[in-house]
N, C-alpha and C. Protein backbone atom coordinates (compact mmCIF):
# COMPACT_ATOMS: atom_id res chain seq x y z
N MET A 1 80.19 76.72 77.23
CA MET A 1 79.51 77.40 78.32
C MET A 1 80.41 77.49 79.55
N LYS A 2 81.20 76.44 79.80
CA LYS A 2 82.09 76.45 80.95
C LYS A 2 83.11 77.58 80.83
N ARG A 3 83.63 77.78 79.61
CA ARG A 3 84.61 78.85 79.39
C ARG A 3 84.00 80.21 79.65
N ILE A 4 82.77 80.39 79.22
CA ILE A 4 82.09 81.66 79.44
C ILE A 4 81.92 81.90 80.94
N MET A 5 81.56 80.89 81.67
CA MET A 5 81.39 81.04 83.11
C MET A 5 82.71 81.39 83.79
N ILE A 6 83.80 80.81 83.34
CA ILE A 6 85.11 81.10 83.94
C ILE A 6 85.44 82.57 83.77
N ILE A 7 85.30 83.08 82.56
CA ILE A 7 85.64 84.49 82.35
C ILE A 7 84.62 85.40 83.02
N LEU A 8 83.36 84.99 83.09
CA LEU A 8 82.35 85.78 83.77
C LEU A 8 82.71 85.94 85.24
N VAL A 9 83.10 84.87 85.88
CA VAL A 9 83.53 84.94 87.28
C VAL A 9 84.75 85.84 87.39
N PHE A 10 85.67 85.68 86.46
CA PHE A 10 86.90 86.47 86.43
C PHE A 10 86.58 87.95 86.38
N LEU A 11 85.68 88.34 85.53
CA LEU A 11 85.39 89.76 85.35
C LEU A 11 84.41 90.31 86.38
N MET A 12 83.48 89.53 86.83
CA MET A 12 82.53 90.02 87.83
C MET A 12 83.22 90.36 89.14
N ALA A 13 84.35 89.73 89.40
CA ALA A 13 85.09 90.02 90.62
C ALA A 13 85.46 91.49 90.70
N ALA A 14 85.69 92.09 89.57
CA ALA A 14 86.12 93.49 89.55
C ALA A 14 85.02 94.44 89.99
N VAL A 15 83.79 94.01 89.97
CA VAL A 15 82.70 94.88 90.40
C VAL A 15 82.21 94.53 91.79
N GLY A 16 82.99 93.72 92.50
CA GLY A 16 82.66 93.45 93.88
C GLY A 16 81.76 92.26 94.10
N CYS A 17 81.49 91.49 93.07
CA CYS A 17 80.66 90.31 93.25
C CYS A 17 81.47 89.25 93.97
N SER A 18 80.80 88.41 94.68
CA SER A 18 81.48 87.38 95.43
C SER A 18 81.00 86.01 95.01
N ASN A 19 81.91 85.05 95.09
CA ASN A 19 81.53 83.69 94.77
C ASN A 19 81.07 82.95 96.02
N GLY A 20 80.93 83.67 97.10
CA GLY A 20 80.50 83.04 98.34
C GLY A 20 81.66 82.66 99.22
N ASN A 21 82.84 82.54 98.65
CA ASN A 21 84.02 82.20 99.43
C ASN A 21 84.78 83.44 99.86
N GLY A 22 84.40 84.59 99.33
CA GLY A 22 85.08 85.82 99.68
C GLY A 22 86.38 86.03 98.93
N ASP A 23 86.69 85.16 97.98
CA ASP A 23 87.97 85.30 97.30
C ASP A 23 87.82 85.58 95.81
N SER A 24 86.66 85.97 95.35
CA SER A 24 86.46 86.19 93.92
C SER A 24 87.25 87.37 93.38
N LYS A 25 87.63 88.33 94.21
CA LYS A 25 88.44 89.46 93.75
C LYS A 25 89.78 88.97 93.22
N ASP A 26 90.24 87.84 93.68
CA ASP A 26 91.50 87.28 93.20
C ASP A 26 91.47 86.95 91.72
N ASP A 27 90.28 86.87 91.14
CA ASP A 27 90.17 86.52 89.72
C ASP A 27 90.71 87.60 88.80
N MET A 28 90.79 88.85 89.24
CA MET A 28 91.32 89.95 88.42
C MET A 28 92.77 90.22 88.81
N CYS A 29 93.55 89.17 88.82
CA CYS A 29 94.92 89.25 89.32
C CYS A 29 95.91 88.61 88.36
N ILE A 30 97.17 88.93 88.62
CA ILE A 30 98.27 88.14 88.08
C ILE A 30 98.93 87.47 89.28
N THR A 31 99.53 86.33 89.03
CA THR A 31 100.16 85.57 90.10
C THR A 31 101.61 85.31 89.74
N LYS A 32 102.52 85.53 90.71
CA LYS A 32 103.91 85.17 90.51
C LYS A 32 104.00 83.65 90.61
N THR A 33 104.60 83.02 89.62
CA THR A 33 104.60 81.56 89.60
C THR A 33 105.44 80.95 90.71
N ASP A 34 106.49 81.62 91.15
CA ASP A 34 107.35 81.03 92.18
C ASP A 34 106.78 81.18 93.59
N THR A 35 106.27 82.35 93.93
CA THR A 35 105.80 82.60 95.29
C THR A 35 104.28 82.54 95.45
N LYS A 36 103.56 82.53 94.33
CA LYS A 36 102.09 82.57 94.31
C LYS A 36 101.54 83.89 94.83
N ALA A 37 102.41 84.90 95.00
CA ALA A 37 101.96 86.23 95.41
C ALA A 37 101.15 86.84 94.27
N LYS A 38 100.15 87.64 94.63
CA LYS A 38 99.23 88.19 93.64
C LYS A 38 99.27 89.71 93.61
N VAL A 39 99.03 90.23 92.41
CA VAL A 39 98.78 91.65 92.20
C VAL A 39 97.43 91.72 91.51
N CYS A 40 96.52 92.50 92.08
CA CYS A 40 95.14 92.50 91.62
C CYS A 40 94.64 93.88 91.22
N TYR A 41 93.69 93.88 90.31
CA TYR A 41 92.97 95.09 89.94
C TYR A 41 92.38 95.70 91.21
N GLY A 42 92.57 97.02 91.39
CA GLY A 42 92.04 97.70 92.56
C GLY A 42 92.97 97.71 93.76
N MET A 43 94.08 96.99 93.68
CA MET A 43 95.03 96.88 94.79
C MET A 43 95.78 98.21 94.97
N ALA A 44 96.07 98.56 96.21
CA ALA A 44 96.81 99.78 96.51
C ALA A 44 98.26 99.65 96.05
N LYS A 45 98.82 100.75 95.57
CA LYS A 45 100.20 100.77 95.08
C LYS A 45 101.17 100.26 96.14
N ALA A 46 100.98 100.65 97.39
CA ALA A 46 101.87 100.21 98.47
C ALA A 46 101.87 98.69 98.59
N ASP A 47 100.70 98.07 98.42
CA ASP A 47 100.61 96.61 98.49
C ASP A 47 101.25 95.95 97.28
N VAL A 48 101.11 96.58 96.11
CA VAL A 48 101.77 96.05 94.90
C VAL A 48 103.27 96.05 95.10
N GLU A 49 103.81 97.13 95.66
CA GLU A 49 105.25 97.23 95.85
C GLU A 49 105.77 96.22 96.85
N LYS A 50 104.94 95.74 97.75
CA LYS A 50 105.36 94.66 98.66
C LYS A 50 105.60 93.37 97.88
N VAL A 51 104.88 93.20 96.78
CA VAL A 51 105.01 92.00 95.94
C VAL A 51 106.09 92.18 94.87
N LEU A 52 106.08 93.34 94.20
CA LEU A 52 106.94 93.54 93.03
C LEU A 52 108.16 94.41 93.28
N GLY A 53 108.24 95.06 94.44
CA GLY A 53 109.32 96.01 94.68
C GLY A 53 108.98 97.36 94.07
N LYS A 54 109.94 98.26 94.11
CA LYS A 54 109.74 99.60 93.53
C LYS A 54 109.81 99.51 92.02
N GLY A 55 108.91 100.19 91.36
CA GLY A 55 108.93 100.24 89.91
C GLY A 55 109.59 101.51 89.41
N LYS A 56 109.73 101.57 88.08
CA LYS A 56 110.30 102.74 87.43
C LYS A 56 109.28 103.28 86.43
N PRO A 57 109.20 104.60 86.31
CA PRO A 57 108.25 105.17 85.34
C PRO A 57 108.52 104.65 83.93
N GLY A 58 107.47 104.18 83.28
CA GLY A 58 107.54 103.73 81.90
C GLY A 58 106.64 104.62 81.06
N VAL A 59 106.25 104.13 79.91
CA VAL A 59 105.35 104.89 79.04
C VAL A 59 103.92 104.62 79.50
N GLY A 60 103.39 105.52 80.32
CA GLY A 60 102.02 105.40 80.81
C GLY A 60 101.83 104.44 81.97
N THR A 61 102.87 103.73 82.35
CA THR A 61 102.76 102.76 83.44
C THR A 61 103.97 102.90 84.36
N ILE A 62 103.89 102.22 85.48
CA ILE A 62 105.06 101.99 86.31
C ILE A 62 105.53 100.59 85.94
N ASP A 63 106.77 100.47 85.51
CA ASP A 63 107.30 99.18 85.06
C ASP A 63 108.10 98.54 86.18
N TYR A 64 107.84 97.27 86.37
CA TYR A 64 108.50 96.48 87.40
C TYR A 64 109.37 95.43 86.72
N VAL A 65 110.28 94.83 87.50
CA VAL A 65 111.13 93.80 86.93
C VAL A 65 110.26 92.64 86.45
N ASN A 66 110.79 91.87 85.54
CA ASN A 66 110.13 90.67 85.02
C ASN A 66 108.88 90.94 84.19
N GLY A 67 108.80 92.10 83.55
CA GLY A 67 107.78 92.32 82.54
C GLY A 67 106.39 92.70 83.00
N ALA A 68 106.22 93.13 84.23
CA ALA A 68 104.91 93.60 84.70
C ALA A 68 104.89 95.12 84.65
N GLY A 69 103.84 95.68 84.09
CA GLY A 69 103.62 97.12 84.08
C GLY A 69 102.25 97.40 84.68
N ILE A 70 102.17 98.43 85.49
CA ILE A 70 100.91 98.75 86.17
C ILE A 70 100.56 100.21 85.91
N PHE A 71 99.29 100.45 85.56
CA PHE A 71 98.77 101.80 85.50
C PHE A 71 97.92 102.00 86.75
N TYR A 72 98.20 103.07 87.48
CA TYR A 72 97.48 103.37 88.70
C TYR A 72 96.54 104.55 88.49
N ARG A 73 95.36 104.45 89.08
CA ARG A 73 94.42 105.56 89.17
C ARG A 73 94.17 105.78 90.65
N ASN A 74 94.48 106.96 91.15
CA ASN A 74 94.32 107.26 92.58
C ASN A 74 95.05 106.23 93.44
N ASP A 75 96.26 105.88 93.03
CA ASP A 75 97.13 104.93 93.75
C ASP A 75 96.54 103.53 93.89
N LYS A 76 95.64 103.17 92.96
CA LYS A 76 95.11 101.81 92.92
C LYS A 76 95.29 101.26 91.51
N VAL A 77 95.50 99.96 91.40
CA VAL A 77 95.72 99.32 90.10
C VAL A 77 94.47 99.48 89.24
N ALA A 78 94.64 100.08 88.05
CA ALA A 78 93.54 100.23 87.10
C ALA A 78 93.74 99.31 85.89
N TYR A 79 94.99 99.01 85.57
CA TYR A 79 95.26 97.94 84.60
C TYR A 79 96.65 97.38 84.81
N ILE A 80 96.77 96.13 84.42
CA ILE A 80 98.01 95.37 84.55
C ILE A 80 98.42 94.92 83.15
N ARG A 81 99.71 95.07 82.85
CA ARG A 81 100.25 94.60 81.58
C ARG A 81 101.36 93.60 81.85
N LEU A 82 101.32 92.48 81.14
CA LEU A 82 102.42 91.52 81.17
C LEU A 82 103.07 91.51 79.79
N SER A 83 104.38 91.70 79.75
CA SER A 83 105.11 91.69 78.48
C SER A 83 105.89 90.39 78.33
N ASP A 84 106.65 90.29 77.24
CA ASP A 84 107.39 89.06 76.97
C ASP A 84 108.43 88.74 78.04
N GLU A 85 108.85 89.72 78.82
CA GLU A 85 109.79 89.46 79.92
C GLU A 85 109.14 88.69 81.07
N SER A 86 107.83 88.56 81.04
CA SER A 86 107.11 87.90 82.15
C SER A 86 106.99 86.39 81.96
N ILE A 87 107.51 85.86 80.86
CA ILE A 87 107.42 84.41 80.61
C ILE A 87 108.01 83.65 81.80
N ASN A 88 107.26 82.68 82.28
CA ASN A 88 107.64 81.83 83.41
C ASN A 88 107.73 82.57 84.74
N VAL A 89 107.26 83.82 84.78
CA VAL A 89 107.29 84.60 86.02
C VAL A 89 105.87 84.88 86.52
N PHE A 90 104.95 85.25 85.61
CA PHE A 90 103.58 85.60 85.98
C PHE A 90 102.58 84.86 85.10
N SER A 91 101.39 84.67 85.64
CA SER A 91 100.25 84.21 84.84
C SER A 91 99.01 84.97 85.32
N ALA A 92 98.00 85.01 84.46
CA ALA A 92 96.71 85.58 84.86
C ALA A 92 96.00 84.57 85.75
N ALA A 93 94.97 85.01 86.44
CA ALA A 93 94.20 84.12 87.30
C ALA A 93 93.65 82.93 86.52
N SER A 94 93.39 83.14 85.24
CA SER A 94 92.86 82.07 84.39
C SER A 94 93.90 81.02 84.07
N GLY A 95 95.17 81.33 84.35
CA GLY A 95 96.27 80.43 84.00
C GLY A 95 96.96 80.82 82.71
N ILE A 96 96.34 81.70 81.93
CA ILE A 96 96.94 82.15 80.67
C ILE A 96 98.14 83.04 80.99
N LYS A 97 99.20 82.87 80.17
CA LYS A 97 100.41 83.65 80.37
C LYS A 97 101.06 83.98 79.04
N VAL A 98 101.97 84.93 79.08
CA VAL A 98 102.74 85.27 77.89
C VAL A 98 103.49 84.01 77.46
N GLY A 99 103.46 83.74 76.16
CA GLY A 99 104.09 82.54 75.62
C GLY A 99 103.10 81.44 75.28
N ASP A 100 101.87 81.54 75.81
CA ASP A 100 100.83 80.56 75.47
C ASP A 100 100.39 80.76 74.03
N THR A 101 99.76 79.75 73.47
CA THR A 101 99.29 79.84 72.09
C THR A 101 97.88 80.43 72.04
N LYS A 102 97.52 80.89 70.86
CA LYS A 102 96.17 81.40 70.65
C LYS A 102 95.16 80.29 70.91
N LYS A 103 95.50 79.08 70.55
CA LYS A 103 94.63 77.93 70.81
C LYS A 103 94.38 77.77 72.31
N ASP A 104 95.43 77.94 73.13
CA ASP A 104 95.28 77.86 74.59
C ASP A 104 94.30 78.91 75.09
N VAL A 105 94.45 80.13 74.57
CA VAL A 105 93.59 81.24 75.01
C VAL A 105 92.14 80.98 74.63
N LEU A 106 91.91 80.58 73.38
CA LEU A 106 90.54 80.33 72.93
C LEU A 106 89.93 79.15 73.67
N LYS A 107 90.74 78.19 74.03
CA LYS A 107 90.24 77.05 74.83
C LYS A 107 89.81 77.54 76.21
N GLN A 108 90.57 78.45 76.78
CA GLN A 108 90.26 78.96 78.12
C GLN A 108 89.09 79.95 78.12
N TYR A 109 89.13 80.92 77.21
CA TYR A 109 88.14 82.00 77.22
C TYR A 109 87.01 81.83 76.22
N GLY A 110 87.21 81.02 75.19
CA GLY A 110 86.18 80.81 74.19
C GLY A 110 86.28 81.79 73.04
N GLU A 111 85.50 81.52 71.99
CA GLU A 111 85.50 82.38 70.81
C GLU A 111 84.27 83.28 70.75
N LYS A 112 83.19 82.87 71.43
CA LYS A 112 81.92 83.59 71.32
C LYS A 112 82.05 85.07 71.66
N ASN A 113 82.75 85.40 72.72
CA ASN A 113 82.84 86.78 73.18
C ASN A 113 84.12 87.48 72.76
N ALA A 114 84.91 86.83 71.92
CA ALA A 114 86.17 87.42 71.48
C ALA A 114 85.93 88.54 70.47
N ILE A 115 86.55 89.67 70.71
CA ILE A 115 86.53 90.79 69.77
C ILE A 115 87.94 90.86 69.19
N THR A 116 88.05 90.53 67.90
CA THR A 116 89.36 90.40 67.27
C THR A 116 89.68 91.62 66.42
N ASN A 117 90.91 92.11 66.58
CA ASN A 117 91.41 93.24 65.82
C ASN A 117 92.68 92.79 65.11
N GLN A 118 92.59 92.56 63.82
CA GLN A 118 93.72 92.08 63.02
C GLN A 118 94.56 93.27 62.54
N GLN A 119 95.83 93.27 62.87
CA GLN A 119 96.78 94.27 62.39
C GLN A 119 97.77 93.57 61.47
N PRO A 120 98.55 94.31 60.68
CA PRO A 120 99.49 93.65 59.77
C PRO A 120 100.49 92.72 60.46
N GLU A 121 100.98 93.11 61.63
CA GLU A 121 102.02 92.32 62.28
C GLU A 121 101.56 91.58 63.53
N PHE A 122 100.33 91.81 63.97
CA PHE A 122 99.85 91.15 65.19
C PHE A 122 98.34 91.13 65.21
N ILE A 123 97.79 90.38 66.16
CA ILE A 123 96.35 90.28 66.38
C ILE A 123 96.10 90.62 67.85
N VAL A 124 95.03 91.37 68.11
CA VAL A 124 94.60 91.62 69.48
C VAL A 124 93.21 91.02 69.65
N VAL A 125 93.04 90.25 70.70
CA VAL A 125 91.73 89.68 71.03
C VAL A 125 91.32 90.24 72.40
N ASP A 126 90.16 90.86 72.43
CA ASP A 126 89.63 91.45 73.66
C ASP A 126 88.38 90.70 74.11
N TYR A 127 88.25 90.56 75.41
CA TYR A 127 87.03 90.07 76.04
C TYR A 127 86.58 91.20 76.96
N VAL A 128 85.43 91.80 76.64
CA VAL A 128 84.96 93.00 77.34
C VAL A 128 83.66 92.67 78.07
N TYR A 129 83.64 92.96 79.37
CA TYR A 129 82.48 92.68 80.21
C TYR A 129 81.89 93.99 80.71
N ASP A 130 80.60 94.19 80.50
CA ASP A 130 79.88 95.36 80.97
C ASP A 130 79.36 95.04 82.37
N SER A 131 79.97 95.65 83.38
CA SER A 131 79.61 95.33 84.76
C SER A 131 78.23 95.84 85.14
N LYS A 132 77.76 96.88 84.48
CA LYS A 132 76.43 97.41 84.78
C LYS A 132 75.34 96.50 84.21
N GLU A 133 75.51 96.09 82.97
CA GLU A 133 74.53 95.22 82.31
C GLU A 133 74.76 93.74 82.63
N LYS A 134 75.91 93.44 83.23
CA LYS A 134 76.28 92.08 83.61
C LYS A 134 76.28 91.13 82.41
N LYS A 135 76.99 91.57 81.36
CA LYS A 135 77.10 90.74 80.16
C LYS A 135 78.33 91.15 79.36
N PHE A 136 78.78 90.22 78.54
CA PHE A 136 79.86 90.54 77.61
C PHE A 136 79.31 91.37 76.48
N VAL A 137 80.16 92.21 75.91
CA VAL A 137 79.74 93.02 74.77
C VAL A 137 80.33 92.43 73.50
N ASN A 138 79.60 92.60 72.40
CA ASN A 138 80.11 92.16 71.11
C ASN A 138 80.85 93.32 70.45
N ALA A 139 81.39 93.09 69.26
CA ALA A 139 82.19 94.11 68.57
C ALA A 139 81.39 95.39 68.31
N GLU A 140 80.14 95.25 67.90
CA GLU A 140 79.32 96.43 67.62
C GLU A 140 79.05 97.22 68.90
N GLU A 141 78.71 96.52 69.97
CA GLU A 141 78.48 97.19 71.25
C GLU A 141 79.75 97.87 71.75
N TYR A 142 80.87 97.21 71.54
CA TYR A 142 82.17 97.75 71.96
C TYR A 142 82.42 99.11 71.30
N GLU A 143 82.13 99.21 70.03
CA GLU A 143 82.35 100.45 69.28
C GLU A 143 81.45 101.58 69.79
N ASN A 144 80.36 101.25 70.46
CA ASN A 144 79.40 102.26 70.92
C ASN A 144 79.46 102.54 72.41
N ILE A 145 80.49 102.07 73.08
CA ILE A 145 80.62 102.34 74.52
C ILE A 145 80.89 103.83 74.72
N LYS A 146 80.12 104.43 75.58
CA LYS A 146 80.24 105.87 75.87
C LYS A 146 81.39 106.12 76.85
N ASP A 147 82.02 107.28 76.71
CA ASP A 147 83.14 107.63 77.57
C ASP A 147 82.80 107.58 79.06
N ASP A 148 81.58 107.96 79.42
CA ASP A 148 81.22 108.00 80.83
C ASP A 148 80.99 106.62 81.45
N SER A 149 81.07 105.56 80.64
CA SER A 149 80.90 104.21 81.19
C SER A 149 82.15 103.35 81.02
N LEU A 150 83.27 103.96 80.65
CA LEU A 150 84.49 103.17 80.42
C LEU A 150 84.95 102.42 81.66
N LYS A 151 84.81 103.02 82.84
CA LYS A 151 85.23 102.35 84.08
C LYS A 151 84.37 101.13 84.38
N GLU A 152 83.18 101.08 83.82
CA GLU A 152 82.25 99.97 84.06
C GLU A 152 82.50 98.78 83.14
N HIS A 153 83.45 98.91 82.23
CA HIS A 153 83.76 97.85 81.28
C HIS A 153 85.14 97.28 81.58
N TYR A 154 85.16 95.99 81.88
CA TYR A 154 86.40 95.31 82.26
C TYR A 154 86.88 94.45 81.11
N VAL A 155 88.19 94.44 80.93
CA VAL A 155 88.77 93.84 79.73
C VAL A 155 89.91 92.90 80.08
N VAL A 156 89.92 91.78 79.37
CA VAL A 156 91.12 90.96 79.24
C VAL A 156 91.50 91.12 77.78
N SER A 157 92.67 91.69 77.53
CA SER A 157 93.12 91.97 76.18
C SER A 157 94.43 91.23 75.95
N ILE A 158 94.49 90.51 74.84
CA ILE A 158 95.65 89.66 74.56
C ILE A 158 96.20 90.00 73.19
N LYS A 159 97.48 90.32 73.15
CA LYS A 159 98.16 90.62 71.89
C LYS A 159 98.95 89.39 71.46
N PHE A 160 98.70 88.95 70.23
CA PHE A 160 99.37 87.77 69.68
C PHE A 160 100.31 88.17 68.55
N GLU A 161 101.45 87.53 68.49
CA GLU A 161 102.31 87.57 67.30
C GLU A 161 102.57 86.12 66.94
N ASP A 162 102.34 85.79 65.69
CA ASP A 162 102.50 84.40 65.21
C ASP A 162 101.72 83.42 66.08
N ASP A 163 100.50 83.81 66.47
CA ASP A 163 99.60 82.98 67.27
C ASP A 163 100.16 82.61 68.65
N VAL A 164 101.05 83.44 69.18
CA VAL A 164 101.60 83.26 70.52
C VAL A 164 101.35 84.55 71.31
N VAL A 165 100.94 84.40 72.58
CA VAL A 165 100.68 85.57 73.42
C VAL A 165 101.98 86.34 73.63
N GLU A 166 101.97 87.61 73.20
CA GLU A 166 103.13 88.48 73.40
C GLU A 166 102.92 89.43 74.57
N GLN A 167 101.68 89.90 74.75
CA GLN A 167 101.33 90.76 75.87
C GLN A 167 99.92 90.43 76.34
N LEU A 168 99.70 90.66 77.63
CA LEU A 168 98.40 90.39 78.24
C LEU A 168 98.04 91.59 79.11
N PHE A 169 96.81 92.07 78.99
CA PHE A 169 96.35 93.23 79.76
C PHE A 169 95.07 92.85 80.51
N ILE A 170 94.96 93.33 81.74
CA ILE A 170 93.77 93.13 82.56
C ILE A 170 93.43 94.47 83.19
N GLY A 171 92.20 94.95 83.03
CA GLY A 171 91.84 96.21 83.65
C GLY A 171 90.53 96.75 83.13
N ASP A 172 90.30 98.04 83.36
CA ASP A 172 89.08 98.65 82.85
C ASP A 172 89.40 99.48 81.61
N LEU A 173 88.37 99.70 80.81
CA LEU A 173 88.56 100.40 79.53
C LEU A 173 89.06 101.83 79.69
N GLN A 174 88.66 102.51 80.72
CA GLN A 174 89.13 103.89 80.89
C GLN A 174 90.64 103.91 81.05
N ALA A 175 91.16 103.04 81.87
CA ALA A 175 92.61 102.99 82.07
C ALA A 175 93.33 102.54 80.81
N MET A 176 92.79 101.53 80.15
CA MET A 176 93.47 100.94 79.02
C MET A 176 93.41 101.78 77.76
N THR A 177 92.37 102.58 77.60
CA THR A 177 92.24 103.36 76.37
C THR A 177 92.55 104.84 76.55
N ARG A 178 92.43 105.34 77.76
CA ARG A 178 92.63 106.77 78.00
C ARG A 178 93.78 107.07 78.96
N LEU A 179 94.31 106.04 79.59
CA LEU A 179 95.31 106.21 80.64
C LEU A 179 94.82 107.22 81.69
N GLN A 180 93.56 107.03 82.08
CA GLN A 180 92.95 107.88 83.11
C GLN A 180 92.38 107.02 84.21
């Protein structure tokens, strides 16, 4: 139950909910391990560049040094990607980072709400939160999400190879699945 509450707080921040301290938006962020500077979902591109510097166009994202990629919608962060180059440089607000084990992730986020997609060479585990219904969705509900509600669904998506985190994504479904 504690794990569910952690991710619930993490995802509810994206819809403007507050934990009473005014800092719950920080939960949808990545943090630089050396400076503790944050890049968050919804953050303006100009503010991201103050933390990460100028990026270069990548495939669907702006790629920054040290393995961070950002997709912007209307010059605001719509999803964040951490690749294997981000090891020891960035972590998610939950503390999970590239290089962690699947066991670490399941300990942090739990198995109940995990939507697992097994591929021949890797596994993807998604945690999807419906901000309108204020609940996590299961695999069946995930398959039935309508296009007009993609922005209302927030995701932590983790790609594993050999049970080790290779990539980590934080954002909304519209950005992550449609690059819109």
